Amino acid sequence: MQNLRVNTECKSIPKKWEDTERRVEHAIDRMQLRGIGINQVKDAVAYGAKQIRNDGSIVATYRWYKVVYREFPLLNYKKIYPITVLLEHEN
């Protein structure tokens, strides 16, 4: 598995997606509400089935939850910006 870093501090956000800061804050709220931690986000990104949306974000479905995120591959790792977290039965 490639080294993954989940950015939940809204640091170093590319200016191309200015709404990412707001979305990361939303994702943190949803993670806490649904009891999903950063390790589960990493598992979904590493092992989940992936689907690319029209806006370039990725939906990773893993076990009983989904993670919507943006990904930026860097030299030795992938930086993950979560957008939201959903339970499997949610759209």
C-alpha atoms as a PDB file:
ATOM      1  CA  MET A   1       0.000   0.000   0.000  1.00  0.00           C
ATOM      2  CA  GLN A   2       1.315   3.426  -0.913  1.00  0.00           C
ATOM      3  CA  ASN A   3       1.873   5.883   1.924  1.00  0.00           C
ATOM      4  CA  LEU A   4      -1.300   7.970   2.373  1.00  0.00           C
ATOM      5  CA  ARG A   5      -1.697  11.233   4.245  1.00  0.00           C
ATOM      6  CA  VAL A   6      -5.177  12.459   5.048  1.00  0.00           C
ATOM      7  CA  ASN A   7      -5.329  16.245   5.284  1.00  0.00           C
ATOM      8  CA  THR A   8      -7.931  17.246   7.861  1.00  0.00           C
ATOM      9  CA  GLU A   9      -6.227  20.488   8.880  1.00  0.00           C
ATOM     10  CA  CYS A  10      -6.993  22.452   5.689  1.00  0.00           C
ATOM     11  CA  LYS A  11      -3.305  23.160   5.106  1.00  0.00           C
ATOM     12  CA  SER A  12      -1.636  23.407   1.697  1.00  0.00           C
ATOM     13  CA  ILE A  13      -4.873  23.271  -0.247  1.00  0.00           C
ATOM     14  CA  PRO A  14      -4.339  23.834  -3.979  1.00  0.00           C
ATOM     15  CA  LYS A  15      -5.964  27.069  -5.156  1.00  0.00           C
ATOM     16  CA  LYS A  16      -7.592  25.222  -8.037  1.00  0.00           C
ATOM     17  CA  TRP A  17     -10.232  23.961  -5.580  1.00  0.00           C
ATOM     18  CA  GLU A  18     -10.982  26.881  -3.296  1.00  0.00           C
ATOM     19  CA  ASP A  19     -14.012  25.099  -1.862  1.00  0.00           C
ATOM     20  CA  THR A  20     -11.864  22.270  -0.485  1.00  0.00           C
ATOM     21  CA  GLU A  21     -11.365  23.912   2.924  1.00  0.00           C
ATOM     22  CA  ARG A  22     -15.111  24.070   3.491  1.00  0.00           C
ATOM     23  CA  ARG A  23     -15.487  20.488   2.286  1.00  0.00           C
ATOM     24  CA  VAL A  24     -12.751  19.196   4.602  1.00  0.00           C
ATOM     25  CA  GLU A  25     -14.522  20.817   7.563  1.00  0.00           C
ATOM     26  CA  HIS A  26     -17.751  19.150   6.426  1.00  0.00           C
ATOM     27  CA  ALA A  27     -15.968  15.792   6.123  1.00  0.00           C
ATOM     28  CA  ILE A  28     -14.617  16.041   9.673  1.00  0.00           C
ATOM     29  CA  ASP A  29     -18.143  16.721  10.971  1.00  0.00           C
ATOM     30  CA  ARG A  30     -19.512  13.732   9.021  1.00  0.00           C
ATOM     31  CA  MET A  31     -16.702  11.455  10.193  1.00  0.00           C
ATOM     32  CA  GLN A  32     -17.435  12.301  13.825  1.00  0.00           C
ATOM     33  CA  LEU A  33     -21.196  11.945  13.324  1.00  0.00           C
ATOM     34  CA  ARG A  34     -20.830   8.510  11.714  1.00  0.00           C
ATOM     35  CA  GLY A  35     -18.009   7.201  13.909  1.00  0.00           C
ATOM     36  CA  ILE A  36     -15.486   6.861  11.080  1.00  0.00           C
ATOM     37  CA  GLY A  37     -11.873   7.723  11.847  1.00  0.00           C
ATOM     38  CA  ILE A  38      -8.872   8.649   9.749  1.00  0.00           C
ATOM     39  CA  ASN A  39      -7.721   5.023   9.636  1.00  0.00           C
ATOM     40  CA  GLN A  40     -11.045   3.992   8.090  1.00  0.00           C
ATOM     41  CA  VAL A  41     -10.645   6.787   5.507  1.00  0.00           C
ATOM     42  CA  LYS A  42      -7.182   5.443   4.671  1.00  0.00           C
ATOM     43  CA  ASP A  43      -8.580   1.902   4.377  1.00  0.00           C
ATOM     44  CA  ALA A  44     -11.324   3.051   2.007  1.00  0.00           C
ATOM     45  CA  VAL A  45      -8.805   4.915  -0.160  1.00  0.00           C
ATOM     46  CA  ALA A  46      -6.351   2.011  -0.171  1.00  0.00           C
ATOM     47  CA  TYR A  47      -8.725  -0.942  -0.549  1.00  0.00           C
ATOM     48  CA  GLY A  48     -12.154   0.351  -1.600  1.00  0.00           C
ATOM     49  CA  ALA A  49     -13.782   0.230  -5.024  1.00  0.00           C
ATOM     50  CA  LYS A  50     -13.271   3.607  -6.674  1.00  0.00           C
ATOM     51  CA  GLN A  51     -15.427   5.679  -8.959  1.00  0.00           C
ATOM     52  CA  ILE A  52     -14.358   9.021 -10.457  1.00  0.00           C
ATOM     53  CA  ARG A  53     -17.010  11.736 -10.542  1.00  0.00           C
ATOM     54  CA  ASN A  54     -17.385  14.439 -13.212  1.00  0.00           C
ATOM     55  CA  ASP A  55     -15.795  17.081 -10.962  1.00  0.00           C
ATOM     56  CA  GLY A  56     -12.627  14.976 -10.581  1.00  0.00           C
ATOM     57  CA  SER A  57     -13.322  13.831  -7.037  1.00  0.00           C
ATOM     58  CA  ILE A  58     -13.226  10.124  -6.203  1.00  0.00           C
ATOM     59  CA  VAL A  59     -15.753   7.965  -4.347  1.00  0.00           C
ATOM     60  CA  ALA A  60     -14.215   5.002  -2.533  1.00  0.00           C
ATOM     61  CA  THR A  61     -16.721   2.404  -1.301  1.00  0.00           C
ATOM     62  CA  TYR A  62     -15.387   0.114   1.400  1.00  0.00           C
ATOM     63  CA  ARG A  63     -17.252  -2.182   3.788  1.00  0.00           C
ATOM     64  CA  TRP A  64     -20.245  -0.191   5.096  1.00  0.00           C
ATOM     65  CA  TYR A  65     -19.192   3.350   4.192  1.00  0.00           C
ATOM     66  CA  LYS A  66     -18.074   5.600   1.340  1.00  0.00           C
ATOM     67  CA  VAL A  67     -15.450   8.327   1.300  1.00  0.00           C
ATOM     68  CA  VAL A  68     -15.597  11.142  -1.252  1.00  0.00           C
ATOM     69  CA  TYR A  69     -12.223  12.813  -1.629  1.00  0.00           C
ATOM     70  CA  ARG A  70      -9.673  14.524  -3.842  1.00  0.00           C
ATOM     71  CA  GLU A  71      -6.249  12.979  -4.249  1.00  0.00           C
ATOM     72  CA  PHE A  72      -2.905  14.555  -5.054  1.00  0.00           C
ATOM     73  CA  PRO A  73      -0.009  12.175  -5.731  1.00  0.00           C
ATOM     74  CA  LEU A  74       3.296  13.564  -4.500  1.00  0.00           C
ATOM     75  CA  LEU A  75       6.788  12.130  -4.670  1.00  0.00           C
ATOM     76  CA  ASN A  76       6.582   9.467  -1.946  1.00  0.00           C
ATOM     77  CA  TYR A  77       2.933   9.549  -0.899  1.00  0.00           C
ATOM     78  CA  LYS A  78      -0.617  10.501  -1.833  1.00  0.00           C
ATOM     79  CA  LYS A  79      -2.237  13.458  -0.105  1.00  0.00           C
ATOM     80  CA  ILE A  80      -5.949  12.895   0.489  1.00  0.00           C
ATOM     81  CA  TYR A  81      -8.449  15.725   0.989  1.00  0.00           C
ATOM     82  CA  PRO A  82     -11.713  14.192   2.230  1.00  0.00           C
ATOM     83  CA  ILE A  83     -14.894  15.913   1.057  1.00  0.00           C
ATOM     84  CA  THR A  84     -17.531  13.838   2.833  1.00  0.00           C
ATOM     85  CA  VAL A  85     -18.171  10.455   4.382  1.00  0.00           C
ATOM     86  CA  LEU A  86     -21.365   8.493   3.750  1.00  0.00           C
ATOM     87  CA  LEU A  87     -22.819   5.296   5.098  1.00  0.00           C
ATOM     88  CA  GLU A  88     -23.411   2.641   2.449  1.00  0.00           C
ATOM     89  CA  HIS A  89     -27.189   3.160   2.273  1.00  0.00           C
ATOM     90  CA  GLU A  90     -26.808   6.945   1.783  1.00  0.00           C
ATOM     91  CA  ASN A  91     -26.354   8.499  -1.653  1.00  0.00           C
END
